[in-house]
Amino acid sequence: MPTKKPEAPKKAAAKKTVKTAAPKKAAGKPAAKTTAPKKAPASKPAKTTPANLEQRKRTLEGFSHFTPYQEKKGEEYMSPRMLEHFREILEAWKRELMEEVDRTVHHMQDEAANFPDPNDRASQESEFSMELRTRDRERKLLKKINESLDLIDESEYGFCESCGVEIGVRRLEARPTATLCIDCKTLDEIREKQRG
């Protein structure tokens, strides 16, 4: 009988150590770390290559490679000299956009590949889709540029479509395709916001 008594305390001691060890472990680590769900990995951004960065920079610069127009004292608004200044800006901008279109076509032809990995194919499709969306926006911009060039030919460029006042040289240099003066454009934007 003396042999059975020592065994029972050993099991009890083992149970005690397990019970005391578990609370120490839980107390050592914050509950938020152990129970918080893992975050999903962030999706990879579109691959940025030096060509893409250069293309974005060029698109953002747009028509900014010009010297601001210096008005002569007593010069009439939209004089032939001023119209020629804006014609040069619009034609340079149009040329840059057309070069971007050609560059995109060549890039899509050269870079098109049938990747075996679905993720690589999806990345390429996403990149091409973004480029095509950008080109679509630029196509609409080219249409506006052509309309502005037509207005220059008709000597109606630089005047608000809505109220007929001068748009202003600085506003036109900032946005050569503007057809509304700042007041009419502001009212137009307010109406647009109200419509939702």
C-alpha atoms as a PDB file:
ATOM      1  CA  MET A   1       0.000   0.000   0.000  1.00  0.00           C
ATOM      2  CA  PRO A   2       2.730   2.496   0.589  1.00  0.00           C
ATOM      3  CA  THR A   3       3.604   2.392  -3.127  1.00  0.00           C
ATOM      4  CA  LYS A   4       0.188   3.629  -4.319  1.00  0.00           C
ATOM      5  CA  LYS A   5       0.176   6.829  -2.248  1.00  0.00           C
ATOM      6  CA  PRO A   6       3.252   8.431  -3.838  1.00  0.00           C
ATOM      7  CA  GLU A   7       1.811   7.993  -7.372  1.00  0.00           C
ATOM      8  CA  ALA A   8      -1.341   9.947  -6.680  1.00  0.00           C
ATOM      9  CA  PRO A   9       0.477  13.111  -5.603  1.00  0.00           C
ATOM     10  CA  LYS A  10       2.630  13.010  -8.801  1.00  0.00           C
ATOM     11  CA  LYS A  11      -0.476  13.151 -11.015  1.00  0.00           C
ATOM     12  CA  ALA A  12      -1.930  15.952  -8.965  1.00  0.00           C
ATOM     13  CA  ALA A  13       1.347  17.845  -9.197  1.00  0.00           C
ATOM     14  CA  ALA A  14       1.372  17.394 -12.962  1.00  0.00           C
ATOM     15  CA  LYS A  15      -2.162  18.734 -13.203  1.00  0.00           C
ATOM     16  CA  LYS A  16      -1.233  21.712 -11.089  1.00  0.00           C
ATOM     17  CA  THR A  17       1.703  22.601 -13.309  1.00  0.00           C
ATOM     18  CA  VAL A  18      -0.460  22.413 -16.403  1.00  0.00           C
ATOM     19  CA  LYS A  19      -3.089  24.624 -14.849  1.00  0.00           C
ATOM     20  CA  THR A  20      -0.580  27.180 -13.642  1.00  0.00           C
ATOM     21  CA  ALA A  21       1.441  27.122 -16.862  1.00  0.00           C
ATOM     22  CA  ALA A  22      -1.549  27.910 -19.092  1.00  0.00           C
ATOM     23  CA  PRO A  23      -2.560  31.159 -17.349  1.00  0.00           C
ATOM     24  CA  LYS A  24       1.065  32.374 -17.410  1.00  0.00           C
ATOM     25  CA  LYS A  25       1.205  31.855 -21.166  1.00  0.00           C
ATOM     26  CA  ALA A  26      -2.038  33.707 -21.756  1.00  0.00           C
ATOM     27  CA  ALA A  27      -1.007  36.520 -19.441  1.00  0.00           C
ATOM     28  CA  GLY A  28       2.323  36.925 -21.285  1.00  0.00           C
ATOM     29  CA  LYS A  29       0.731  37.534 -24.709  1.00  0.00           C
ATOM     30  CA  PRO A  30      -1.998  40.061 -25.443  1.00  0.00           C
ATOM     31  CA  ALA A  31      -5.279  38.500 -26.537  1.00  0.00           C
ATOM     32  CA  ALA A  32      -5.548  40.748 -29.616  1.00  0.00           C
ATOM     33  CA  LYS A  33      -2.485  39.223 -31.244  1.00  0.00           C
ATOM     34  CA  THR A  34      -3.553  35.619 -30.787  1.00  0.00           C
ATOM     35  CA  THR A  35      -7.217  36.030 -31.737  1.00  0.00           C
ATOM     36  CA  ALA A  36      -7.034  38.742 -34.420  1.00  0.00           C
ATOM     37  CA  PRO A  37      -7.690  37.421 -37.957  1.00  0.00           C
ATOM     38  CA  LYS A  38      -4.873  37.747 -40.424  1.00  0.00           C
ATOM     39  CA  LYS A  39      -5.169  40.613 -42.872  1.00  0.00           C
ATOM     40  CA  ALA A  40      -5.531  39.779 -46.526  1.00  0.00           C
ATOM     41  CA  PRO A  41      -2.433  40.666 -48.515  1.00  0.00           C
ATOM     42  CA  ALA A  42      -2.752  43.976 -50.334  1.00  0.00           C
ATOM     43  CA  SER A  43      -3.125  43.726 -54.077  1.00  0.00           C
ATOM     44  CA  LYS A  44      -0.015  44.602 -56.015  1.00  0.00           C
ATOM     45  CA  PRO A  45      -0.050  47.986 -57.741  1.00  0.00           C
ATOM     46  CA  ALA A  46       0.461  48.155 -61.471  1.00  0.00           C
ATOM     47  CA  LYS A  47       4.035  47.525 -62.510  1.00  0.00           C
ATOM     48  CA  THR A  48       5.866  50.826 -62.838  1.00  0.00           C
ATOM     49  CA  THR A  49       8.619  50.850 -65.395  1.00  0.00           C
ATOM     50  CA  PRO A  50      10.762  53.808 -66.414  1.00  0.00           C
ATOM     51  CA  ALA A  51       8.753  54.013 -69.652  1.00  0.00           C
ATOM     52  CA  ASN A  52       5.451  54.205 -67.721  1.00  0.00           C
ATOM     53  CA  LEU A  53       6.805  56.904 -65.415  1.00  0.00           C
ATOM     54  CA  GLU A  54       8.109  58.905 -68.365  1.00  0.00           C
ATOM     55  CA  GLN A  55       4.766  58.492 -70.134  1.00  0.00           C
ATOM     56  CA  ARG A  56       2.794  59.687 -67.068  1.00  0.00           C
ATOM     57  CA  LYS A  57       5.129  62.644 -66.624  1.00  0.00           C
ATOM     58  CA  ARG A  58       4.728  63.601 -70.271  1.00  0.00           C
ATOM     59  CA  THR A  59       0.934  63.290 -70.068  1.00  0.00           C
ATOM     60  CA  LEU A  60       0.811  65.403 -66.917  1.00  0.00           C
ATOM     61  CA  GLU A  61       3.061  68.041 -68.445  1.00  0.00           C
ATOM     62  CA  GLY A  62       0.907  68.049 -71.553  1.00  0.00           C
ATOM     63  CA  PHE A  63       1.172  71.456 -73.153  1.00  0.00           C
ATOM     64  CA  SER A  64       3.377  73.057 -70.472  1.00  0.00           C
ATOM     65  CA  HIS A  65       6.375  73.519 -72.778  1.00  0.00           C
ATOM     66  CA  PHE A  66       5.546  77.094 -73.703  1.00  0.00           C
ATOM     67  CA  THR A  67       6.423  80.559 -72.509  1.00  0.00           C
ATOM     68  CA  PRO A  68       3.519  82.544 -71.058  1.00  0.00           C
ATOM     69  CA  TYR A  69       2.080  85.129 -73.395  1.00  0.00           C
ATOM     70  CA  GLN A  70       3.332  88.680 -72.782  1.00  0.00           C
ATOM     71  CA  GLU A  71       0.617  91.140 -73.680  1.00  0.00           C
ATOM     72  CA  LYS A  72       1.703  94.399 -75.261  1.00  0.00           C
ATOM     73  CA  LYS A  73       0.341  97.607 -73.856  1.00  0.00           C
ATOM     74  CA  GLY A  74      -3.027  98.393 -75.449  1.00  0.00           C
ATOM     75  CA  GLU A  75      -3.135  95.047 -77.323  1.00  0.00           C
ATOM     76  CA  GLU A  76      -6.602  93.889 -78.306  1.00  0.00           C
ATOM     77  CA  TYR A  77      -7.884  90.643 -76.757  1.00  0.00           C
ATOM     78  CA  MET A  78      -7.446  87.708 -79.139  1.00  0.00           C
ATOM     79  CA  SER A  79      -5.349  89.627 -81.606  1.00  0.00           C
ATOM     80  CA  PRO A  80      -3.807  87.607 -84.475  1.00  0.00           C
ATOM     81  CA  ARG A  81      -0.551  87.321 -82.472  1.00  0.00           C
ATOM     82  CA  MET A  82      -2.452  85.980 -79.435  1.00  0.00           C
ATOM     83  CA  LEU A  83      -4.444  83.540 -81.575  1.00  0.00           C
ATOM     84  CA  GLU A  84      -1.206  82.266 -83.082  1.00  0.00           C
ATOM     85  CA  HIS A  85       0.200  81.734 -79.570  1.00  0.00           C
ATOM     86  CA  PHE A  86      -2.776  79.540 -78.637  1.00  0.00           C
ATOM     87  CA  ARG A  87      -2.695  77.727 -81.980  1.00  0.00           C
ATOM     88  CA  GLU A  88       0.938  76.736 -81.282  1.00  0.00           C
ATOM     89  CA  ILE A  89       0.037  75.521 -77.785  1.00  0.00           C
ATOM     90  CA  LEU A  90      -2.912  73.450 -79.036  1.00  0.00           C
ATOM     91  CA  GLU A  91      -0.985  71.948 -81.941  1.00  0.00           C
ATOM     92  CA  ALA A  92       1.967  71.026 -79.690  1.00  0.00           C
ATOM     93  CA  TRP A  93      -0.420  69.397 -77.215  1.00  0.00           C
ATOM     94  CA  LYS A  94      -2.159  67.520 -80.032  1.00  0.00           C
ATOM     95  CA  ARG A  95       1.218  66.307 -81.353  1.00  0.00           C
ATOM     96  CA  GLU A  96       2.207  65.024 -77.887  1.00  0.00           C
ATOM     97  CA  LEU A  97      -1.070  63.146 -77.487  1.00  0.00           C
ATOM     98  CA  MET A  98      -0.732  61.563 -80.932  1.00  0.00           C
ATOM     99  CA  GLU A  99       2.804  60.423 -80.052  1.00  0.00           C
ATOM    100  CA  GLU A 100       1.408  58.822 -76.889  1.00  0.00           C
ATOM    101  CA  VAL A 101      -1.173  56.945 -78.975  1.00  0.00           C
ATOM    102  CA  ASP A 102       1.577  55.585 -81.245  1.00  0.00           C
ATOM    103  CA  ARG A 103       3.713  54.684 -78.235  1.00  0.00           C
ATOM    104  CA  THR A 104       0.818  52.800 -76.642  1.00  0.00           C
ATOM    105  CA  VAL A 105       0.099  50.817 -79.809  1.00  0.00           C
ATOM    106  CA  HIS A 106       3.763  49.791 -80.107  1.00  0.00           C
ATOM    107  CA  HIS A 107       3.994  48.995 -76.394  1.00  0.00           C
ATOM    108  CA  MET A 108       0.913  46.777 -76.502  1.00  0.00           C
ATOM    109  CA  GLN A 109       2.184  44.948 -79.590  1.00  0.00           C
ATOM    110  CA  ASP A 110       5.676  44.434 -78.175  1.00  0.00           C
ATOM    111  CA  GLU A 111       4.657  43.528 -74.631  1.00  0.00           C
ATOM    112  CA  ALA A 112       1.718  41.255 -75.494  1.00  0.00           C
ATOM    113  CA  ALA A 113       2.574  37.752 -74.330  1.00  0.00           C
ATOM    114  CA  ASN A 114       0.620  34.677 -73.397  1.00  0.00           C
ATOM    115  CA  PHE A 115       1.786  34.101 -69.840  1.00  0.00           C
ATOM    116  CA  PRO A 116       1.150  30.610 -68.430  1.00  0.00           C
ATOM    117  CA  ASP A 117       0.561  32.042 -64.950  1.00  0.00           C
ATOM    118  CA  PRO A 118      -2.980  33.455 -64.531  1.00  0.00           C
ATOM    119  CA  ASN A 119      -1.694  36.180 -62.182  1.00  0.00           C
ATOM    120  CA  ASP A 120       0.787  37.417 -64.783  1.00  0.00           C
ATOM    121  CA  ARG A 121      -1.924  37.418 -67.446  1.00  0.00           C
ATOM    122  CA  ALA A 122      -4.261  39.346 -65.148  1.00  0.00           C
ATOM    123  CA  SER A 123      -1.559  41.924 -64.387  1.00  0.00           C
ATOM    124  CA  GLN A 124      -0.897  42.413 -68.082  1.00  0.00           C
ATOM    125  CA  GLU A 125      -4.613  42.736 -68.861  1.00  0.00           C
ATOM    126  CA  SER A 126      -5.002  45.260 -66.046  1.00  0.00           C
ATOM    127  CA  GLU A 127      -2.064  47.304 -67.332  1.00  0.00           C
ATOM    128  CA  PHE A 128      -3.408  47.274 -70.894  1.00  0.00           C
ATOM    129  CA  SER A 129      -6.885  48.190 -69.667  1.00  0.00           C
ATOM    130  CA  MET A 130      -5.529  51.206 -67.790  1.00  0.00           C
ATOM    131  CA  GLU A 131      -3.551  52.333 -70.834  1.00  0.00           C
ATOM    132  CA  LEU A 132      -6.604  52.021 -73.054  1.00  0.00           C
ATOM    133  CA  ARG A 133      -8.716  53.986 -70.576  1.00  0.00           C
ATOM    134  CA  THR A 134      -6.097  56.740 -70.571  1.00  0.00           C
ATOM    135  CA  ARG A 135      -6.007  56.748 -74.375  1.00  0.00           C
ATOM    136  CA  ASP A 136      -9.823  56.975 -74.449  1.00  0.00           C
ATOM    137  CA  ARG A 137      -9.698  60.059 -72.217  1.00  0.00           C
ATOM    138  CA  GLU A 138      -7.012  61.521 -74.471  1.00  0.00           C
ATOM    139  CA  ARG A 139      -9.146  60.760 -77.539  1.00  0.00           C
ATOM    140  CA  LYS A 140     -11.905  62.911 -76.043  1.00  0.00           C
ATOM    141  CA  LEU A 141      -9.319  65.579 -75.291  1.00  0.00           C
ATOM    142  CA  LEU A 142      -8.101  65.456 -78.912  1.00  0.00           C
ATOM    143  CA  LYS A 143     -11.670  66.124 -80.024  1.00  0.00           C
ATOM    144  CA  LYS A 144     -11.792  69.212 -77.768  1.00  0.00           C
ATOM    145  CA  ILE A 145      -8.419  70.377 -79.096  1.00  0.00           C
ATOM    146  CA  ASN A 146      -9.690  70.083 -82.674  1.00  0.00           C
ATOM    147  CA  GLU A 147     -12.825  72.043 -81.730  1.00  0.00           C
ATOM    148  CA  SER A 148     -10.634  74.768 -80.177  1.00  0.00           C
ATOM    149  CA  LEU A 149      -8.498  74.914 -83.328  1.00  0.00           C
ATOM    150  CA  ASP A 150     -11.713  75.317 -85.376  1.00  0.00           C
ATOM    151  CA  LEU A 151     -12.761  78.196 -83.083  1.00  0.00           C
ATOM    152  CA  ILE A 152      -9.376  79.861 -83.705  1.00  0.00           C
ATOM    153  CA  ASP A 153      -9.962  79.545 -87.478  1.00  0.00           C
ATOM    154  CA  GLU A 154     -13.383  81.167 -87.052  1.00  0.00           C
ATOM    155  CA  SER A 155     -11.931  83.902 -84.745  1.00  0.00           C
ATOM    156  CA  GLU A 156     -14.350  82.891 -81.969  1.00  0.00           C
ATOM    157  CA  TYR A 157     -11.726  81.396 -79.656  1.00  0.00           C
ATOM    158  CA  GLY A 158     -11.319  82.860 -76.178  1.00  0.00           C
ATOM    159  CA  PHE A 159     -14.910  83.914 -75.573  1.00  0.00           C
ATOM    160  CA  CYS A 160     -17.387  82.225 -73.231  1.00  0.00           C
ATOM    161  CA  GLU A 161     -19.997  80.060 -74.994  1.00  0.00           C
ATOM    162  CA  SER A 162     -22.574  80.907 -72.348  1.00  0.00           C
ATOM    163  CA  CYS A 163     -22.298  84.648 -71.723  1.00  0.00           C
ATOM    164  CA  GLY A 164     -19.880  85.830 -74.417  1.00  0.00           C
ATOM    165  CA  VAL A 165     -17.324  87.529 -72.132  1.00  0.00           C
ATOM    166  CA  GLU A 166     -13.558  87.083 -72.447  1.00  0.00           C
ATOM    167  CA  ILE A 167     -12.288  83.861 -70.877  1.00  0.00           C
ATOM    168  CA  GLY A 168      -8.893  85.368 -70.191  1.00  0.00           C
ATOM    169  CA  VAL A 169      -5.372  84.658 -71.384  1.00  0.00           C
ATOM    170  CA  ARG A 170      -4.137  83.036 -68.142  1.00  0.00           C
ATOM    171  CA  ARG A 171      -7.165  80.746 -67.881  1.00  0.00           C
ATOM    172  CA  LEU A 172      -6.703  79.690 -71.505  1.00  0.00           C
ATOM    173  CA  GLU A 173      -3.020  79.005 -70.916  1.00  0.00           C
ATOM    174  CA  ALA A 174      -3.971  76.814 -67.963  1.00  0.00           C
ATOM    175  CA  ARG A 175      -6.682  75.039 -69.980  1.00  0.00           C
ATOM    176  CA  PRO A 176      -6.510  75.853 -73.718  1.00  0.00           C
ATOM    177  CA  THR A 177      -9.701  73.906 -74.444  1.00  0.00           C
ATOM    178  CA  ALA A 178     -11.813  75.990 -72.014  1.00  0.00           C
ATOM    179  CA  THR A 179     -15.075  77.187 -73.520  1.00  0.00           C
ATOM    180  CA  LEU A 180     -16.596  78.833 -70.437  1.00  0.00           C
ATOM    181  CA  CYS A 181     -15.439  81.801 -68.385  1.00  0.00           C
ATOM    182  CA  ILE A 182     -14.610  81.135 -64.740  1.00  0.00           C
ATOM    183  CA  ASP A 183     -18.013  82.407 -63.493  1.00  0.00           C
ATOM    184  CA  CYS A 184     -20.059  80.270 -65.890  1.00  0.00           C
ATOM    185  CA  LYS A 185     -17.866  77.241 -65.205  1.00  0.00           C
ATOM    186  CA  THR A 186     -18.346  77.687 -61.447  1.00  0.00           C
ATOM    187  CA  LEU A 187     -22.138  77.880 -61.883  1.00  0.00           C
ATOM    188  CA  ASP A 188     -22.032  74.831 -64.151  1.00  0.00           C
ATOM    189  CA  GLU A 189     -20.116  72.846 -61.497  1.00  0.00           C
ATOM    190  CA  ILE A 190     -22.573  73.909 -58.778  1.00  0.00           C
ATOM    191  CA  ARG A 191     -25.497  72.727 -60.922  1.00  0.00           C
ATOM    192  CA  GLU A 192     -23.688  69.446 -61.571  1.00  0.00           C
ATOM    193  CA  LYS A 193     -23.196  68.869 -57.821  1.00  0.00           C
ATOM    194  CA  GLN A 194     -26.873  69.589 -57.137  1.00  0.00           C
ATOM    195  CA  ARG A 195     -27.972  67.049 -59.736  1.00  0.00           C
ATOM    196  CA  GLY A 196     -25.853  64.453 -57.978  1.00  0.00           C
END
